[in-house]
Amino acid sequence: TRVAGFQAWRTMGRFVRKGEKGIAIMAPIIGRREAEPDGTN
């Protein structure tokens, strides 16, 4: 019903029980592109 990562649950005062199996999802890997002509990454 409500899912969140391990650390997100900790910030809400809840803790994942020992031995619980996580639900796998796909998370993006964020990187930086080379400097653009305007000097920003």
PDB file of all heavy atoms in Angstrom:
ATOM      1  N   THR A   1       0.816  -1.212   0.000  1.00  0.00           N
ATOM      2  CA  THR A   1       0.000   0.000   0.000  1.00  0.00           C
ATOM      3  C   THR A   1       0.847   1.258   0.000  1.00  0.00           C
ATOM      4  O   THR A   1       0.644   2.148  -0.802  1.00  0.00           O
ATOM      5  CB  THR A   1      -0.944   0.027   1.216  1.00  0.00           C
ATOM      6  OG1 THR A   1      -0.164  -0.111   2.400  1.00  0.00           O
ATOM      7  CG2 THR A   1      -1.988  -1.073   1.131  1.00  0.00           C
ATOM      8  N   ARG A   2       1.812   1.334   0.915  1.00  0.00           N
ATOM      9  CA  ARG A   2       2.724   2.471   1.001  1.00  0.00           C
ATOM     10  C   ARG A   2       4.137   1.922   1.038  1.00  0.00           C
ATOM     11  O   ARG A   2       4.485   1.169   1.940  1.00  0.00           O
ATOM     12  CB  ARG A   2       2.471   3.289   2.265  1.00  0.00           C
ATOM     13  CG  ARG A   2       1.127   3.952   2.305  1.00  0.00           C
ATOM     14  CD  ARG A   2       1.011   4.731   3.590  1.00  0.00           C
ATOM     15  NE  ARG A   2      -0.311   5.315   3.713  1.00  0.00           N
ATOM     16  CZ  ARG A   2      -0.717   5.964   4.777  1.00  0.00           C
ATOM     17  NH1 ARG A   2       0.082   6.141   5.807  1.00  0.00           N
ATOM     18  NH2 ARG A   2      -1.928   6.469   4.834  1.00  0.00           N
ATOM     19  N   VAL A   3       4.931   2.289   0.062  1.00  0.00           N
ATOM     20  CA  VAL A   3       6.302   1.799   0.023  1.00  0.00           C
ATOM     21  C   VAL A   3       7.278   2.964   0.064  1.00  0.00           C
ATOM     22  O   VAL A   3       6.989   4.053  -0.425  1.00  0.00           O
ATOM     23  CB  VAL A   3       6.577   0.914  -1.218  1.00  0.00           C
ATOM     24  CG1 VAL A   3       5.719  -0.324  -1.207  1.00  0.00           C
ATOM     25  CG2 VAL A   3       6.386   1.684  -2.500  1.00  0.00           C
ATOM     26  N   ALA A   4       8.426   2.704   0.678  1.00  0.00           N
ATOM     27  CA  ALA A   4       9.499   3.698   0.752  1.00  0.00           C
ATOM     28  C   ALA A   4      10.797   2.951   0.990  1.00  0.00           C
ATOM     29  O   ALA A   4      10.794   1.779   1.391  1.00  0.00           O
ATOM     30  CB  ALA A   4       9.238   4.698   1.876  1.00  0.00           C
ATOM     31  N   GLY A   5      11.903   3.633   0.768  1.00  0.00           N
ATOM     32  CA  GLY A   5      13.209   3.047   1.001  1.00  0.00           C
ATOM     33  C   GLY A   5      13.533   2.966   2.479  1.00  0.00           C
ATOM     34  O   GLY A   5      12.858   3.546   3.333  1.00  0.00           O
ATOM     35  N   PHE A   6      14.602   2.232   2.777  1.00  0.00           N
ATOM     36  CA  PHE A   6      15.034   2.000   4.149  1.00  0.00           C
ATOM     37  C   PHE A   6      15.231   3.315   4.902  1.00  0.00           C
ATOM     38  O   PHE A   6      14.710   3.503   6.002  1.00  0.00           O
ATOM     39  CB  PHE A   6      16.330   1.180   4.129  1.00  0.00           C
ATOM     40  CG  PHE A   6      16.797   0.745   5.473  1.00  0.00           C
ATOM     41  CD1 PHE A   6      16.293  -0.410   6.040  1.00  0.00           C
ATOM     42  CD2 PHE A   6      17.738   1.481   6.174  1.00  0.00           C
ATOM     43  CE1 PHE A   6      16.721  -0.827   7.296  1.00  0.00           C
ATOM     44  CE2 PHE A   6      18.168   1.073   7.422  1.00  0.00           C
ATOM     45  CZ  PHE A   6      17.659  -0.081   7.981  1.00  0.00           C
ATOM     46  N   GLN A   7      15.976   4.247   4.313  1.00  0.00           N
ATOM     47  CA  GLN A   7      16.261   5.520   4.982  1.00  0.00           C
ATOM     48  C   GLN A   7      15.005   6.387   5.097  1.00  0.00           C
ATOM     49  O   GLN A   7      14.826   7.097   6.090  1.00  0.00           O
ATOM     50  CB  GLN A   7      17.364   6.288   4.242  1.00  0.00           C
ATOM     51  CG  GLN A   7      18.724   5.615   4.320  1.00  0.00           C
ATOM     52  CD  GLN A   7      19.226   5.483   5.753  1.00  0.00           C
ATOM     53  OE1 GLN A   7      18.969   6.324   6.605  1.00  0.00           O
ATOM     54  NE2 GLN A   7      19.938   4.397   6.024  1.00  0.00           N
ATOM     55  N   ALA A   8      14.139   6.345   4.097  1.00  0.00           N
ATOM     56  CA  ALA A   8      12.900   7.132   4.161  1.00  0.00           C
ATOM     57  C   ALA A   8      12.047   6.679   5.341  1.00  0.00           C
ATOM     58  O   ALA A   8      11.463   7.506   6.051  1.00  0.00           O
ATOM     59  CB  ALA A   8      12.113   7.012   2.858  1.00  0.00           C
ATOM     60  N   TRP A   9      11.968   5.366   5.566  1.00  0.00           N
ATOM     61  CA  TRP A   9      11.206   4.866   6.716  1.00  0.00           C
ATOM     62  C   TRP A   9      11.827   5.355   8.016  1.00  0.00           C
ATOM     63  O   TRP A   9      11.123   5.710   8.958  1.00  0.00           O
ATOM     64  CB  TRP A   9      11.120   3.341   6.715  1.00  0.00           C
ATOM     65  CG  TRP A   9      10.117   2.800   5.742  1.00  0.00           C
ATOM     66  CD1 TRP A   9      10.351   1.937   4.719  1.00  0.00           C
ATOM     67  CD2 TRP A   9       8.711   3.089   5.694  1.00  0.00           C
ATOM     68  NE1 TRP A   9       9.189   1.675   4.034  1.00  0.00           N
ATOM     69  CE2 TRP A   9       8.168   2.365   4.615  1.00  0.00           C
ATOM     70  CE3 TRP A   9       7.866   3.889   6.456  1.00  0.00           C
ATOM     71  CZ2 TRP A   9       6.815   2.418   4.289  1.00  0.00           C
ATOM     72  CZ3 TRP A   9       6.515   3.945   6.121  1.00  0.00           C
ATOM     73  CH2 TRP A   9       6.005   3.214   5.056  1.00  0.00           C
ATOM     74  N   ARG A  10      13.150   5.396   8.080  1.00  0.00           N
ATOM     75  CA  ARG A  10      13.816   5.860   9.308  1.00  0.00           C
ATOM     76  C   ARG A  10      13.469   7.312   9.601  1.00  0.00           C
ATOM     77  O   ARG A  10      13.280   7.683  10.755  1.00  0.00           O
ATOM     78  CB  ARG A  10      15.326   5.692   9.180  1.00  0.00           C
ATOM     79  CG  ARG A  10      15.731   4.231   9.290  1.00  0.00           C
ATOM     80  CD  ARG A  10      17.205   4.054   9.375  1.00  0.00           C
ATOM     81  NE  ARG A  10      17.694   4.721  10.568  1.00  0.00           N
ATOM     82  CZ  ARG A  10      18.958   4.854  10.872  1.00  0.00           C
ATOM     83  NH1 ARG A  10      19.874   4.354  10.092  1.00  0.00           N
ATOM     84  NH2 ARG A  10      19.341   5.480  11.968  1.00  0.00           N
ATOM     85  N   THR A  11      13.387   8.147   8.557  1.00  0.00           N
ATOM     86  CA  THR A  11      13.059   9.560   8.786  1.00  0.00           C
ATOM     87  C   THR A  11      11.633   9.731   9.290  1.00  0.00           C
ATOM     88  O   THR A  11      11.309  10.762   9.866  1.00  0.00           O
ATOM     89  CB  THR A  11      13.257  10.416   7.521  1.00  0.00           C
ATOM     90  OG1 THR A  11      12.328   9.998   6.512  1.00  0.00           O
ATOM     91  CG2 THR A  11      14.686  10.334   7.001  1.00  0.00           C
ATOM     92  N   MET A  12      10.779   8.731   9.059  1.00  0.00           N
ATOM     93  CA  MET A  12       9.392   8.790   9.528  1.00  0.00           C
ATOM     94  C   MET A  12       9.213   8.083  10.867  1.00  0.00           C
ATOM     95  O   MET A  12       8.086   7.871  11.315  1.00  0.00           O
ATOM     96  CB  MET A  12       8.467   8.179   8.482  1.00  0.00           C
ATOM     97  CG  MET A  12       8.326   9.027   7.241  1.00  0.00           C
ATOM     98  SD  MET A  12       7.146   8.336   6.085  1.00  0.00           S
ATOM     99  CE  MET A  12       8.251   7.595   4.895  1.00  0.00           C
ATOM    100  N   GLY A  13      10.331   7.695  11.499  1.00  0.00           N
ATOM    101  CA  GLY A  13      10.243   7.048  12.802  1.00  0.00           C
ATOM    102  C   GLY A  13       9.847   5.589  12.734  1.00  0.00           C
ATOM    103  O   GLY A  13       9.366   5.025  13.721  1.00  0.00           O
ATOM    104  N   ARG A  14      10.029   4.972  11.574  1.00  0.00           N
ATOM    105  CA  ARG A  14       9.697   3.557  11.415  1.00  0.00           C
ATOM    106  C   ARG A  14      10.954   2.817  10.989  1.00  0.00           C
ATOM    107  O   ARG A  14      11.859   3.393  10.400  1.00  0.00           O
ATOM    108  CB  ARG A  14       8.580   3.363  10.392  1.00  0.00           C
ATOM    109  CG  ARG A  14       7.270   4.025  10.843  1.00  0.00           C
ATOM    110  CD  ARG A  14       6.110   3.635   9.974  1.00  0.00           C
ATOM    111  NE  ARG A  14       5.757   2.243  10.045  1.00  0.00           N
ATOM    112  CZ  ARG A  14       4.982   1.696  10.976  1.00  0.00           C
ATOM    113  NH1 ARG A  14       4.510   2.423  11.963  1.00  0.00           N
ATOM    114  NH2 ARG A  14       4.694   0.412  10.932  1.00  0.00           N
ATOM    115  N   PHE A  15      11.001   1.527  11.300  1.00  0.00           N
ATOM    116  CA  PHE A  15      12.185   0.732  11.026  1.00  0.00           C
ATOM    117  C   PHE A  15      11.779  -0.560  10.332  1.00  0.00           C
ATOM    118  O   PHE A  15      10.814  -1.206  10.730  1.00  0.00           O
ATOM    119  CB  PHE A  15      12.933   0.430  12.325  1.00  0.00           C
ATOM    120  CG  PHE A  15      13.296   1.700  13.052  1.00  0.00           C
ATOM    121  CD1 PHE A  15      12.440   2.240  14.006  1.00  0.00           C
ATOM    122  CD2 PHE A  15      14.452   2.375  12.742  1.00  0.00           C
ATOM    123  CE1 PHE A  15      12.758   3.423  14.660  1.00  0.00           C
ATOM    124  CE2 PHE A  15      14.778   3.565  13.384  1.00  0.00           C
ATOM    125  CZ  PHE A  15      13.933   4.085  14.340  1.00  0.00           C
ATOM    126  N   VAL A  16      12.528  -0.934   9.301  1.00  0.00           N
ATOM    127  CA  VAL A  16      12.275  -2.179   8.587  1.00  0.00           C
ATOM    128  C   VAL A  16      12.668  -3.330   9.508  1.00  0.00           C
ATOM    129  O   VAL A  16      13.753  -3.330  10.093  1.00  0.00           O
ATOM    130  CB  VAL A  16      13.076  -2.219   7.268  1.00  0.00           C
ATOM    131  CG1 VAL A  16      12.879  -3.560   6.560  1.00  0.00           C
ATOM    132  CG2 VAL A  16      12.666  -1.066   6.357  1.00  0.00           C
ATOM    133  N   ARG A  17      11.763  -4.304   9.657  1.00  0.00           N
ATOM    134  CA  ARG A  17      12.034  -5.450  10.514  1.00  0.00           C
ATOM    135  C   ARG A  17      13.178  -6.291   9.952  1.00  0.00           C
ATOM    136  O   ARG A  17      13.313  -6.433   8.732  1.00  0.00           O
ATOM    137  CB  ARG A  17      10.783  -6.327  10.655  1.00  0.00           C
ATOM    138  CG  ARG A  17       9.711  -5.699  11.519  1.00  0.00           C
ATOM    139  CD  ARG A  17       8.612  -6.694  11.846  1.00  0.00           C
ATOM    140  NE  ARG A  17       7.853  -7.087  10.671  1.00  0.00           N
ATOM    141  CZ  ARG A  17       6.730  -6.488  10.277  1.00  0.00           C
ATOM    142  NH1 ARG A  17       6.222  -5.487  10.959  1.00  0.00           N
ATOM    143  NH2 ARG A  17       6.088  -6.903   9.204  1.00  0.00           N
ATOM    144  N   LYS A  18      13.979  -6.831  10.828  1.00  0.00           N
ATOM    145  CA  LYS A  18      15.109  -7.659  10.441  1.00  0.00           C
ATOM    146  C   LYS A  18      14.616  -8.870   9.646  1.00  0.00           C
ATOM    147  O   LYS A  18      13.622  -9.505  10.023  1.00  0.00           O
ATOM    148  CB  LYS A  18      15.871  -8.117  11.685  1.00  0.00           C
ATOM    149  CG  LYS A  18      17.141  -8.853  11.371  1.00  0.00           C
ATOM    150  CD  LYS A  18      17.923  -9.151  12.626  1.00  0.00           C
ATOM    151  CE  LYS A  18      19.220  -9.838  12.252  1.00  0.00           C
ATOM    152  NZ  LYS A  18      20.088  -9.997  13.405  1.00  0.00           N
ATOM    153  N   GLY A  19      15.276  -9.147   8.537  1.00  0.00           N
ATOM    154  CA  GLY A  19      14.939 -10.309   7.718  1.00  0.00           C
ATOM    155  C   GLY A  19      13.900 -10.048   6.642  1.00  0.00           C
ATOM    156  O   GLY A  19      13.610 -10.943   5.851  1.00  0.00           O
ATOM    157  N   GLU A  20      13.328  -8.861   6.603  1.00  0.00           N
ATOM    158  CA  GLU A  20      12.323  -8.551   5.575  1.00  0.00           C
ATOM    159  C   GLU A  20      12.992  -8.460   4.211  1.00  0.00           C
ATOM    160  O   GLU A  20      14.087  -7.919   4.076  1.00  0.00           O
ATOM    161  CB  GLU A  20      11.605  -7.238   5.879  1.00  0.00           C
ATOM    162  CG  GLU A  20      10.664  -7.315   7.048  1.00  0.00           C
ATOM    163  CD  GLU A  20       9.409  -8.136   6.792  1.00  0.00           C
ATOM    164  OE1 GLU A  20       9.123  -8.489   5.614  1.00  0.00           O
ATOM    165  OE2 GLU A  20       8.700  -8.418   7.759  1.00  0.00           O
ATOM    166  N   LYS A  21      12.327  -8.974   3.200  1.00  0.00           N
ATOM    167  CA  LYS A  21      12.843  -8.959   1.831  1.00  0.00           C
ATOM    168  C   LYS A  21      12.358  -7.694   1.138  1.00  0.00           C
ATOM    169  O   LYS A  21      11.162  -7.388   1.136  1.00  0.00           O
ATOM    170  CB  LYS A  21      12.356 -10.196   1.084  1.00  0.00           C
ATOM    171  CG  LYS A  21      12.891 -10.298  -0.314  1.00  0.00           C
ATOM    172  CD  LYS A  21      12.366 -11.544  -1.011  1.00  0.00           C
ATOM    173  CE  LYS A  21      12.839 -11.554  -2.450  1.00  0.00           C
ATOM    174  NZ  LYS A  21      12.178 -12.595  -3.217  1.00  0.00           N
ATOM    175  N   GLY A  22      13.277  -6.955   0.531  1.00  0.00           N
ATOM    176  CA  GLY A  22      12.923  -5.724  -0.160  1.00  0.00           C
ATOM    177  C   GLY A  22      12.220  -5.977  -1.483  1.00  0.00           C
ATOM    178  O   GLY A  22      12.318  -7.067  -2.063  1.00  0.00           O
ATOM    179  N   ILE A  23      11.510  -4.984  -1.946  1.00  0.00           N
ATOM    180  CA  ILE A  23      10.828  -5.020  -3.235  1.00  0.00           C
ATOM    181  C   ILE A  23      11.726  -4.271  -4.215  1.00  0.00           C
ATOM    182  O   ILE A  23      12.000  -3.082  -4.033  1.00  0.00           O
ATOM    183  CB  ILE A  23       9.448  -4.334  -3.139  1.00  0.00           C
ATOM    184  CG1 ILE A  23       8.585  -5.006  -2.067  1.00  0.00           C
ATOM    185  CG2 ILE A  23       8.756  -4.346  -4.494  1.00  0.00           C
ATOM    186  CD1 ILE A  23       7.369  -4.196  -1.669  1.00  0.00           C
ATOM    187  N   ALA A  24      12.197  -4.960  -5.247  1.00  0.00           N
ATOM    188  CA  ALA A  24      13.138  -4.360  -6.197  1.00  0.00           C
ATOM    189  C   ALA A  24      12.420  -3.432  -7.171  1.00  0.00           C
ATOM    190  O   ALA A  24      11.367  -3.773  -7.719  1.00  0.00           O
ATOM    191  CB  ALA A  24      13.870  -5.449  -6.975  1.00  0.00           C
ATOM    192  N   ILE A  25      12.980  -2.248  -7.346  1.00  0.00           N
ATOM    193  CA  ILE A  25      12.506  -1.300  -8.353  1.00  0.00           C
ATOM    194  C   ILE A  25      13.717  -0.800  -9.124  1.00  0.00           C
ATOM    195  O   ILE A  25      14.861  -1.087  -8.760  1.00  0.00           O
ATOM    196  CB  ILE A  25      11.741  -0.106  -7.728  1.00  0.00           C
ATOM    197  CG1 ILE A  25      12.655   0.697  -6.794  1.00  0.00           C
ATOM    198  CG2 ILE A  25      10.485  -0.584  -7.012  1.00  0.00           C
ATOM    199  CD1 ILE A  25      12.064   2.012  -6.343  1.00  0.00           C
ATOM    200  N   MET A  26      13.489  -0.042 -10.176  1.00  0.00           N
ATOM    201  CA  MET A  26      14.572   0.543 -10.961  1.00  0.00           C
ATOM    202  C   MET A  26      14.718   2.012 -10.565  1.00  0.00           C
ATOM    203  O   MET A  26      13.764   2.782 -10.658  1.00  0.00           O
ATOM    204  CB  MET A  26      14.285   0.431 -12.459  1.00  0.00           C
ATOM    205  CG  MET A  26      14.171  -1.004 -12.950  1.00  0.00           C
ATOM    206  SD  MET A  26      15.602  -2.009 -12.605  1.00  0.00           S
ATOM    207  CE  MET A  26      16.814  -1.249 -13.630  1.00  0.00           C
ATOM    208  N   ALA A  27      15.934   2.373 -10.111  1.00  0.00           N
ATOM    209  CA  ALA A  27      16.206   3.753  -9.698  1.00  0.00           C
ATOM    210  C   ALA A  27      17.170   4.386 -10.696  1.00  0.00           C
ATOM    211  O   ALA A  27      18.117   3.733 -11.150  1.00  0.00           O
ATOM    212  CB  ALA A  27      16.812   3.771  -8.300  1.00  0.00           C
ATOM    213  N   PRO A  28      16.951   5.643 -11.046  1.00  0.00           N
ATOM    214  CA  PRO A  28      17.844   6.290 -12.014  1.00  0.00           C
ATOM    215  C   PRO A  28      19.220   6.590 -11.414  1.00  0.00           C
ATOM    216  O   PRO A  28      19.339   6.868 -10.225  1.00  0.00           O
ATOM    217  CB  PRO A  28      17.114   7.581 -12.366  1.00  0.00           C
ATOM    218  CG  PRO A  28      16.248   7.852 -11.196  1.00  0.00           C
ATOM    219  CD  PRO A  28      15.873   6.510 -10.620  1.00  0.00           C
ATOM    220  N   ILE A  29      20.222   6.508 -12.247  1.00  0.00           N
ATOM    221  CA  ILE A  29      21.570   6.930 -11.875  1.00  0.00           C
ATOM    222  C   ILE A  29      21.754   8.302 -12.511  1.00  0.00           C
ATOM    223  O   ILE A  29      21.668   8.450 -13.730  1.00  0.00           O
ATOM    224  CB  ILE A  29      22.636   5.954 -12.404  1.00  0.00           C
ATOM    225  CG1 ILE A  29      22.404   4.565 -11.817  1.00  0.00           C
ATOM    226  CG2 ILE A  29      24.039   6.469 -12.081  1.00  0.00           C
ATOM    227  CD1 ILE A  29      23.262   3.484 -12.456  1.00  0.00           C
ATOM    228  N   ILE A  30      21.961   9.311 -11.680  1.00  0.00           N
ATOM    229  CA  ILE A  30      22.084  10.684 -12.156  1.00  0.00           C
ATOM    230  C   ILE A  30      23.562  11.034 -12.290  1.00  0.00           C
ATOM    231  O   ILE A  30      24.352  10.793 -11.386  1.00  0.00           O
ATOM    232  CB  ILE A  30      21.410  11.681 -11.187  1.00  0.00           C
ATOM    233  CG1 ILE A  30      19.961  11.268 -10.898  1.00  0.00           C
ATOM    234  CG2 ILE A  30      21.485  13.101 -11.716  1.00  0.00           C
ATOM    235  CD1 ILE A  30      19.050  11.320 -12.093  1.00  0.00           C
ATOM    236  N   GLY A  31      23.927  11.582 -13.436  1.00  0.00           N
ATOM    237  CA  GLY A  31      25.305  11.997 -13.671  1.00  0.00           C
ATOM    238  C   GLY A  31      25.333  13.398 -14.252  1.00  0.00           C
ATOM    239  O   GLY A  31      24.300  13.991 -14.557  1.00  0.00           O
ATOM    240  N   ARG A  32      26.520  13.907 -14.430  1.00  0.00           N
ATOM    241  CA  ARG A  32      26.688  15.241 -15.005  1.00  0.00           C
ATOM    242  C   ARG A  32      27.178  15.113 -16.433  1.00  0.00           C
ATOM    243  O   ARG A  32      28.065  14.327 -16.721  1.00  0.00           O
ATOM    244  CB  ARG A  32      27.686  16.058 -14.197  1.00  0.00           C
ATOM    245  CG  ARG A  32      27.200  16.370 -12.808  1.00  0.00           C
ATOM    246  CD  ARG A  32      28.019  17.503 -12.232  1.00  0.00           C
ATOM    247  NE  ARG A  32      27.659  17.779 -10.868  1.00  0.00           N
ATOM    248  CZ  ARG A  32      26.671  18.579 -10.516  1.00  0.00           C
ATOM    249  NH1 ARG A  32      25.950  19.181 -11.421  1.00  0.00           N
ATOM    250  NH2 ARG A  32      26.389  18.784  -9.243  1.00  0.00           N
ATOM    251  N   ARG A  33      26.581  15.899 -17.310  1.00  0.00           N
ATOM    252  CA  ARG A  33      27.075  15.987 -18.679  1.00  0.00           C
ATOM    253  C   ARG A  33      28.264  16.917 -18.697  1.00  0.00           C
ATOM    254  O   ARG A  33      28.452  17.741 -17.803  1.00  0.00           O
ATOM    255  CB  ARG A  33      25.986  16.536 -19.604  1.00  0.00           C
ATOM    256  CG  ARG A  33      25.034  15.463 -20.081  1.00  0.00           C
ATOM    257  CD  ARG A  33      24.176  16.009 -21.167  1.00  0.00           C
ATOM    258  NE  ARG A  33      22.999  16.587 -20.500  1.00  0.00           N
ATOM    259  CZ  ARG A  33      22.204  17.466 -21.037  1.00  0.00           C
ATOM    260  NH1 ARG A  33      22.423  17.939 -22.222  1.00  0.00           N
ATOM    261  NH2 ARG A  33      21.173  17.915 -20.372  1.00  0.00           N
ATOM    262  N   GLU A  34      29.040  16.792 -19.738  1.00  0.00           N
ATOM    263  CA  GLU A  34      30.167  17.711 -19.908  1.00  0.00           C
ATOM    264  C   GLU A  34      29.645  19.137 -19.930  1.00  0.00           C
ATOM    265  O   GLU A  34      28.479  19.388 -20.211  1.00  0.00           O
ATOM    266  CB  GLU A  34      30.895  17.400 -21.210  1.00  0.00           C
ATOM    267  CG  GLU A  34      31.543  16.029 -21.229  1.00  0.00           C
ATOM    268  CD  GLU A  34      32.609  15.874 -20.151  1.00  0.00           C
ATOM    269  OE1 GLU A  34      33.391  16.810 -19.939  1.00  0.00           O
ATOM    270  OE2 GLU A  34      32.617  14.811 -19.518  1.00  0.00           O
ATOM    271  N   ALA A  35      30.517  20.061 -19.648  1.00  0.00           N
ATOM    272  CA  ALA A  35      30.132  21.477 -19.584  1.00  0.00           C
ATOM    273  C   ALA A  35      29.437  21.900 -20.876  1.00  0.00           C
ATOM    274  O   ALA A  35      29.908  21.627 -21.972  1.00  0.00           O
ATOM    275  CB  ALA A  35      31.360  22.346 -19.343  1.00  0.00           C
ATOM    276  N   GLU A  36      28.321  22.543 -20.703  1.00  0.00           N
ATOM    277  CA  GLU A  36      27.573  23.077 -21.833  1.00  0.00           C
ATOM    278  C   GLU A  36      28.266  24.349 -22.323  1.00  0.00           C
ATOM    279  O   GLU A  36      29.095  24.920 -21.616  1.00  0.00           O
ATOM    280  CB  GLU A  36      26.136  23.388 -21.393  1.00  0.00           C
ATOM    281  CG  GLU A  36      25.354  22.170 -20.940  1.00  0.00           C
ATOM    282  CD  GLU A  36      25.022  21.219 -22.061  1.00  0.00           C
ATOM    283  OE1 GLU A  36      24.728  21.684 -23.177  1.00  0.00           O
ATOM    284  OE2 GLU A  36      25.087  20.003 -21.829  1.00  0.00           O
ATOM    285  N   PRO A  37      27.921  24.816 -23.518  1.00  0.00           N
ATOM    286  CA  PRO A  37      28.538  26.048 -24.025  1.00  0.00           C
ATOM    287  C   PRO A  37      28.385  27.241 -23.082  1.00  0.00           C
ATOM    288  O   PRO A  37      29.243  28.107 -23.030  1.00  0.00           O
ATOM    289  CB  PRO A  37      27.814  26.300 -25.340  1.00  0.00           C
ATOM    290  CG  PRO A  37      27.298  24.968 -25.764  1.00  0.00           C
ATOM    291  CD  PRO A  37      27.029  24.207 -24.499  1.00  0.00           C
ATOM    292  N   ASP A  38      27.301  27.259 -22.296  1.00  0.00           N
ATOM    293  CA  ASP A  38      27.101  28.388 -21.382  1.00  0.00           C
ATOM    294  C   ASP A  38      27.842  28.201 -20.057  1.00  0.00           C
ATOM    295  O   ASP A  38      27.710  28.998 -19.136  1.00  0.00           O
ATOM    296  CB  ASP A  38      25.613  28.646 -21.137  1.00  0.00           C
ATOM    297  CG  ASP A  38      24.917  27.455 -20.494  1.00  0.00           C
ATOM    298  OD1 ASP A  38      25.574  26.430 -20.256  1.00  0.00           O
ATOM    299  OD2 ASP A  38      23.712  27.573 -20.231  1.00  0.00           O
ATOM    300  N   GLY A  39      28.621  27.111 -19.927  1.00  0.00           N
ATOM    301  CA  GLY A  39      29.448  26.908 -18.740  1.00  0.00           C
ATOM    302  C   GLY A  39      28.784  26.150 -17.612  1.00  0.00           C
ATOM    303  O   GLY A  39      29.356  26.019 -16.539  1.00  0.00           O
ATOM    304  N   THR A  40      27.575  25.639 -17.817  1.00  0.00           N
ATOM    305  CA  THR A  40      26.892  24.896 -16.756  1.00  0.00           C
ATOM    306  C   THR A  40      27.087  23.400 -16.949  1.00  0.00           C
ATOM    307  O   THR A  40      27.279  22.926 -18.069  1.00  0.00           O
ATOM    308  CB  THR A  40      25.387  25.196 -16.745  1.00  0.00           C
ATOM    309  OG1 THR A  40      24.835  24.778 -17.998  1.00  0.00           O
ATOM    310  CG2 THR A  40      25.119  26.665 -16.518  1.00  0.00           C
ATOM    311  N   ASN A  41      27.053  22.670 -15.871  1.00  0.00           N
ATOM    312  CA  ASN A  41      27.088  21.208 -15.928  1.00  0.00           C
ATOM    313  C   ASN A  41      25.668  20.716 -15.677  1.00  0.00           C
ATOM    314  O   ASN A  41      25.150  20.842 -14.576  1.00  0.00           O
ATOM    315  CB  ASN A  41      28.029  20.630 -14.867  1.00  0.00           C
ATOM    316  CG  ASN A  41      29.474  20.819 -15.234  1.00  0.00           C
ATOM    317  OD1 ASN A  41      29.808  20.909 -16.411  1.00  0.00           O
ATOM    318  ND2 ASN A  41      30.338  20.884 -14.240  1.00  0.00           N
TER     319      ASN A  41
END
